[in-house]
C-alpha atoms as a PDB file:
ATOM      1  CA  ALA A   1       1.676  15.443  -5.185  1.00  0.00           C
ATOM      2  CA  PHE A   2       2.163  19.206  -5.141  1.00  0.00           C
ATOM      3  CA  LEU A   3       0.623  22.175  -6.913  1.00  0.00           C
ATOM      4  CA  HIS A   4       3.050  24.021  -9.159  1.00  0.00           C
ATOM      5  CA  GLY A   5       2.815  27.079 -11.375  1.00  0.00           C
ATOM      6  CA  GLY A   6       3.893  25.318 -14.562  1.00  0.00           C
ATOM      7  CA  TYR A   7       4.352  22.039 -16.360  1.00  0.00           C
ATOM      8  CA  VAL A   8       7.195  19.741 -15.211  1.00  0.00           C
ATOM      9  CA  HIS A   9       8.146  16.850 -17.500  1.00  0.00           C
ATOM     10  CA  PRO A  10       7.826  13.335 -16.048  1.00  0.00           C
ATOM     11  CA  GLY A  11      11.260  11.879 -15.363  1.00  0.00           C
ATOM     12  CA  THR A  12      12.689  15.234 -14.241  1.00  0.00           C
ATOM     13  CA  VAL A  13      14.819  15.004 -11.091  1.00  0.00           C
ATOM     14  CA  VAL A  14      13.674  17.639  -8.606  1.00  0.00           C
ATOM     15  CA  VAL A  15      14.592  18.885  -5.144  1.00  0.00           C
ATOM     16  CA  VAL A  16      11.559  19.688  -2.997  1.00  0.00           C
ATOM     17  CA  GLN A  17      11.899  21.775   0.123  1.00  0.00           C
ATOM     18  CA  LEU A  18       9.633  20.462   2.888  1.00  0.00           C
ATOM     19  CA  VAL A  19       9.011  22.110   6.249  1.00  0.00           C
ATOM     20  CA  THR A  20       8.937  19.892   9.339  1.00  0.00           C
ATOM     21  CA  THR A  21       6.406  20.268  12.146  1.00  0.00           C
ATOM     22  CA  ARG A  22       9.164  22.062  14.114  1.00  0.00           C
ATOM     23  CA  GLY A  23       9.702  24.616  11.349  1.00  0.00           C
ATOM     24  CA  ALA A  24      12.967  23.225  10.004  1.00  0.00           C
ATOM     25  CA  GLN A  25      13.445  22.969   6.257  1.00  0.00           C
ATOM     26  CA  GLN A  26      14.513  19.745   4.590  1.00  0.00           C
ATOM     27  CA  ASN A  27      15.472  19.275   0.950  1.00  0.00           C
ATOM     28  CA  VAL A  28      14.202  15.998  -0.504  1.00  0.00           C
ATOM     29  CA  VAL A  29      15.258  14.613  -3.907  1.00  0.00           C
ATOM     30  CA  GLY A  30      12.667  12.948  -6.109  1.00  0.00           C
ATOM     31  CA  VAL A  31      11.596  12.213  -9.669  1.00  0.00           C
ATOM     32  CA  VAL A  32       8.463  13.615 -11.309  1.00  0.00           C
ATOM     33  CA  ARG A  33       6.136  10.704 -12.144  1.00  0.00           C
ATOM     34  CA  ARG A  34       3.253  12.716 -13.641  1.00  0.00           C
ATOM     35  CA  CYS A  35       2.166  16.289 -14.183  1.00  0.00           C
ATOM     36  CA  ARG A  36      -1.524  17.087 -14.618  1.00  0.00           C
ATOM     37  CA  TYR A  37      -3.058  20.391 -15.704  1.00  0.00           C
ATOM     38  CA  ILE A  38      -5.554  21.792 -13.176  1.00  0.00           C
ATOM     39  CA  GLN A  39      -6.436  25.313 -14.406  1.00  0.00           C
ATOM     40  CA  SER A  40      -4.770  28.536 -15.544  1.00  0.00           C
ATOM     41  CA  ASN A  41      -1.083  27.848 -14.980  1.00  0.00           C
ATOM     42  CA  VAL A  42      -1.591  25.439 -12.062  1.00  0.00           C
ATOM     43  CA  HIS A  43      -0.426  21.819 -12.368  1.00  0.00           C
ATOM     44  CA  GLU A  44      -0.529  18.885  -9.981  1.00  0.00           C
ATOM     45  CA  VAL A  45       2.939  17.339  -9.921  1.00  0.00           C
ATOM     46  CA  ALA A  46       3.323  13.805  -8.526  1.00  0.00           C
ATOM     47  CA  ILE A  47       6.802  13.083  -7.208  1.00  0.00           C
ATOM     48  CA  GLN A  48       8.361   9.803  -6.158  1.00  0.00           C
ATOM     49  CA  PHE A  49      11.004  10.546  -3.552  1.00  0.00           C
ATOM     50  CA  LYS A  50      14.432   8.896  -3.888  1.00  0.00           C
ATOM     51  CA  ASN A  51      14.451   7.984  -0.184  1.00  0.00           C
ATOM     52  CA  MET A  52      11.592   7.209   2.155  1.00  0.00           C
ATOM     53  CA  VAL A  53       9.892  10.248   3.668  1.00  0.00           C
ATOM     54  CA  ASP A  54       8.013   9.886   6.949  1.00  0.00           C
ATOM     55  CA  PRO A  55       4.835  11.987   6.599  1.00  0.00           C
ATOM     56  CA  ALA A  56       4.601  12.365  10.387  1.00  0.00           C
ATOM     57  CA  VAL A  57       7.769  14.515  10.339  1.00  0.00           C
ATOM     58  CA  PHE A  58       5.988  17.077   8.146  1.00  0.00           C
ATOM     59  CA  CYS A  59       2.374  16.763   9.277  1.00  0.00           C
ATOM     60  CA  ARG A  60       1.166  16.191  12.842  1.00  0.00           C
ATOM     61  CA  ASP A  61      -2.028  14.682  11.520  1.00  0.00           C
ATOM     62  CA  ALA A  62      -0.361  12.283   9.064  1.00  0.00           C
ATOM     63  CA  VAL A  63      -2.620   9.297   8.627  1.00  0.00           C
ATOM     64  CA  ARG A  64      -1.126   5.865   8.866  1.00  0.00           C
ATOM     65  CA  LEU A  65      -2.481   3.309   6.434  1.00  0.00           C
ATOM     66  CA  ARG A  66      -4.225   0.512   8.342  1.00  0.00           C
ATOM     67  CA  VAL A  67      -3.288  -2.878   6.922  1.00  0.00           C
ATOM     68  CA  LEU A  68      -4.615  -6.323   7.715  1.00  0.00           C
ATOM     69  CA  LEU A  69      -1.882  -8.851   6.983  1.00  0.00           C
ATOM     70  CA  ALA A  70      -3.369 -12.333   6.636  1.00  0.00           C
ATOM     71  CA  GLU A  71      -0.275 -14.553   6.694  1.00  0.00           C
ATOM     72  CA  GLU A  72       0.256 -17.800   8.593  1.00  0.00           C
ATOM     73  CA  ASP A  73       4.037 -18.075   8.089  1.00  0.00           C
ATOM     74  CA  ALA A  74       5.641 -16.212  11.013  1.00  0.00           C
ATOM     75  CA  ALA A  75       8.864 -15.391   9.129  1.00  0.00           C
ATOM     76  CA  LEU A  76       7.026 -14.014   6.080  1.00  0.00           C
ATOM     77  CA  ALA A  77       4.714 -12.035   8.376  1.00  0.00           C
ATOM     78  CA  ARG A  78       7.718 -10.480  10.184  1.00  0.00           C
ATOM     79  CA  LEU A  79       9.294  -9.489   6.860  1.00  0.00           C
ATOM     80  CA  ALA A  80       6.038  -7.967   5.560  1.00  0.00           C
ATOM     81  CA  ARG A  81       5.485  -6.108   8.855  1.00  0.00           C
ATOM     82  CA  MET A  82       9.006  -4.690   8.658  1.00  0.00           C
ATOM     83  CA  HIS A  83       8.444  -3.428   5.094  1.00  0.00           C
ATOM     84  CA  LEU A  84       5.002  -2.046   5.953  1.00  0.00           C
ATOM     85  CA  GLY A  85       6.397  -0.307   9.026  1.00  0.00           C
ATOM     86  CA  ARG A  86       8.944   1.465   6.824  1.00  0.00           C
ATOM     87  CA  LEU A  87       5.977   2.592   4.703  1.00  0.00           C
ATOM     88  CA  ASN A  88       4.323   4.157   7.787  1.00  0.00           C
ATOM     89  CA  CYS A  89       1.591   1.501   7.988  1.00  0.00           C
ATOM     90  CA  GLU A  90      -0.174   0.239  11.068  1.00  0.00           C
ATOM     91  CA  VAL A  91      -0.386  -3.563  10.726  1.00  0.00           C
ATOM     92  CA  GLU A  92      -2.620  -6.155  12.329  1.00  0.00           C
ATOM     93  CA  ASN A  93      -1.932  -9.847  11.647  1.00  0.00           C
ATOM     94  CA  ALA A  94      -4.286 -12.782  11.140  1.00  0.00           C
ATOM     95  CA  THR A  95      -2.898 -16.313  10.839  1.00  0.00           C
ATOM     96  CA  ASP A  96      -5.912 -17.899   9.149  1.00  0.00           C
ATOM     97  CA  GLY A  97      -8.712 -16.874   6.814  1.00  0.00           C
ATOM     98  CA  GLN A  98     -11.456 -17.045   9.433  1.00  0.00           C
ATOM     99  CA  LYS A  99      -9.514 -14.755  11.780  1.00  0.00           C
ATOM    100  CA  ALA A 100      -8.943 -12.344   8.840  1.00  0.00           C
ATOM    101  CA  LEU A 101     -12.693 -12.197   8.206  1.00  0.00           C
ATOM    102  CA  GLU A 102     -13.376 -11.570  11.905  1.00  0.00           C
ATOM    103  CA  LEU A 103     -10.795  -8.779  12.139  1.00  0.00           C
ATOM    104  CA  ALA A 104     -12.017  -7.179   8.898  1.00  0.00           C
ATOM    105  CA  SER A 105     -15.592  -7.113  10.207  1.00  0.00           C
ATOM    106  CA  GLN A 106     -14.537  -5.604  13.567  1.00  0.00           C
ATOM    107  CA  ASN A 107     -12.016  -3.011  12.306  1.00  0.00           C
ATOM    108  CA  CYS A 108     -11.577  -0.551   9.477  1.00  0.00           C
ATOM    109  CA  PHE A 109      -8.670  -1.436   7.170  1.00  0.00           C
ATOM    110  CA  ASP A 110      -7.432   0.479   4.130  1.00  0.00           C
ATOM    111  CA  LEU A 111      -5.678  -2.553   2.667  1.00  0.00           C
ATOM    112  CA  ILE A 112      -5.744  -6.301   3.153  1.00  0.00           C
ATOM    113  CA  LEU A 113      -2.697  -8.378   2.192  1.00  0.00           C
ATOM    114  CA  LEU A 114      -4.152 -11.839   1.848  1.00  0.00           C
ATOM    115  CA  ASP A 115      -2.181 -15.075   1.583  1.00  0.00           C
ATOM    116  CA  MET A 116      -4.180 -17.306  -0.748  1.00  0.00           C
ATOM    117  CA  ASP A 117      -3.086 -20.518   1.029  1.00  0.00           C
ATOM    118  CA  LEU A 118      -4.385 -19.722   4.513  1.00  0.00           C
ATOM    119  CA  PRO A 119      -5.681 -22.471   6.799  1.00  0.00           C
ATOM    120  CA  VAL A 120      -9.301 -22.741   8.014  1.00  0.00           C
ATOM    121  CA  CYS A 121     -10.595 -20.495   5.186  1.00  0.00           C
ATOM    122  CA  ASP A 122      -8.347 -19.980   2.141  1.00  0.00           C
ATOM    123  CA  GLY A 123      -7.634 -16.521   0.722  1.00  0.00           C
ATOM    124  CA  TYR A 124      -9.845 -16.974  -2.333  1.00  0.00           C
ATOM    125  CA  THR A 125     -12.862 -17.758  -0.159  1.00  0.00           C
ATOM    126  CA  ALA A 126     -11.964 -14.950   2.254  1.00  0.00           C
ATOM    127  CA  ALA A 127     -11.669 -12.402  -0.601  1.00  0.00           C
ATOM    128  CA  ARG A 128     -15.081 -13.411  -2.003  1.00  0.00           C
ATOM    129  CA  GLU A 129     -16.622 -13.156   1.469  1.00  0.00           C
ATOM    130  CA  LEU A 130     -15.009  -9.754   2.145  1.00  0.00           C
ATOM    131  CA  ARG A 131     -16.479  -8.368  -1.090  1.00  0.00           C
ATOM    132  CA  LYS A 132     -19.850  -9.972  -0.324  1.00  0.00           C
ATOM    133  CA  ARG A 133     -19.816  -8.210   3.070  1.00  0.00           C
ATOM    134  CA  GLY A 134     -19.148  -4.868   1.359  1.00  0.00           C
ATOM    135  CA  PHE A 135     -15.397  -4.376   1.861  1.00  0.00           C
ATOM    136  CA  THR A 136     -14.391  -1.777  -0.755  1.00  0.00           C
ATOM    137  CA  GLY A 137     -10.728  -1.297   0.184  1.00  0.00           C
ATOM    138  CA  MET A 138      -7.847  -2.797  -1.725  1.00  0.00           C
ATOM    139  CA  ILE A 139      -7.205  -6.525  -1.386  1.00  0.00           C
ATOM    140  CA  ILE A 140      -3.818  -7.766  -2.555  1.00  0.00           C
ATOM    141  CA  ALA A 141      -3.432 -11.499  -3.082  1.00  0.00           C
ATOM    142  CA  GLY A 142      -0.174 -13.145  -2.098  1.00  0.00           C
ATOM    143  CA  THR A 143       0.860 -16.453  -3.611  1.00  0.00           C
ATOM    144  CA  GLY A 144       4.047 -18.441  -3.968  1.00  0.00           C
ATOM    145  CA  CYS A 145       4.208 -18.200  -7.756  1.00  0.00           C
ATOM    146  CA  ASP A 146       3.473 -15.695 -10.486  1.00  0.00           C
ATOM    147  CA  SER A 147       1.438 -17.757 -12.939  1.00  0.00           C
ATOM    148  CA  ALA A 148      -1.280 -16.245 -15.091  1.00  0.00           C
ATOM    149  CA  GLU A 149      -3.720 -18.763 -13.599  1.00  0.00           C
ATOM    150  CA  ASP A 150      -2.934 -17.606 -10.026  1.00  0.00           C
ATOM    151  CA  ARG A 151      -3.424 -13.959 -10.995  1.00  0.00           C
ATOM    152  CA  LYS A 152      -6.692 -14.717 -12.798  1.00  0.00           C
ATOM    153  CA  ARG A 153      -8.068 -16.782  -9.938  1.00  0.00           C
ATOM    154  CA  ALA A 154      -7.191 -14.065  -7.374  1.00  0.00           C
ATOM    155  CA  LEU A 155      -8.781 -11.297  -9.452  1.00  0.00           C
ATOM    156  CA  GLU A 156     -11.926 -13.376  -9.991  1.00  0.00           C
ATOM    157  CA  ALA A 157     -12.157 -13.891  -6.207  1.00  0.00           C
ATOM    158  CA  GLY A 158     -12.258 -10.112  -5.684  1.00  0.00           C
ATOM    159  CA  CYS A 159      -8.600  -9.159  -5.220  1.00  0.00           C
ATOM    160  CA  ASP A 160      -7.353  -5.947  -6.819  1.00  0.00           C
ATOM    161  CA  ARG A 161      -3.773  -7.055  -7.339  1.00  0.00           C
ATOM    162  CA  HIS A 162      -1.558 -10.097  -7.098  1.00  0.00           C
ATOM    163  CA  LEU A 163       1.947 -10.151  -5.591  1.00  0.00           C
ATOM    164  CA  VAL A 164       4.410 -12.980  -5.195  1.00  0.00           C
ATOM    165  CA  ARG A 165       5.395 -13.828  -1.620  1.00  0.00           C
ATOM    166  CA  PRO A 166       7.608 -13.034   0.127  1.00  0.00           C
ATOM    167  CA  PHE A 167       6.551  -9.422  -0.423  1.00  0.00           C
ATOM    168  CA  SER A 168       9.424  -7.101  -1.297  1.00  0.00           C
ATOM    169  CA  TYR A 169       9.618  -3.534  -0.034  1.00  0.00           C
ATOM    170  CA  GLU A 170       9.476  -2.226  -3.611  1.00  0.00           C
ATOM    171  CA  ALA A 171       6.361  -4.259  -4.498  1.00  0.00           C
ATOM    172  CA  LEU A 172       4.550  -3.101  -1.360  1.00  0.00           C
ATOM    173  CA  ALA A 173       5.579   0.522  -1.898  1.00  0.00           C
ATOM    174  CA  GLU A 174       4.149   0.445  -5.435  1.00  0.00           C
ATOM    175  CA  SER A 175       0.875  -1.033  -4.184  1.00  0.00           C
END
């Protein structure tokens, strides 16, 4: 999001000029997703860029999102790690629910992607336990199907969202 001296209609295609950490200028194309009045003639304009933008190119102190990926399937974990890497995330992997709980208690994560069918301790139990222990970050449930019952069960366990596995780049980027 950027501050701007006027209202910009959502859906408007814009070109934003960003300055890299080395002082070079780069034009980036995006679409306005929302425009919110702040005060006087100042508006906060949220832009979704057409192509991925690496924040580290423009800010030395860019913070990488720390993600705990709880996924036992090695191929699905590789795919999710690849997508999350493109989103500038730092990823740690757990292959069972008990290991996910241990890692979550030892480290600070911004987001937990939690397979609901994990061995040792399933994702539903792990999500309930994470919330019981005070985890306030986002938990996204991953299941093999998109039924209303799966979504309801995941939300009741303490998950914030539900995504169908394998996770697509677009679904993870929106989360």
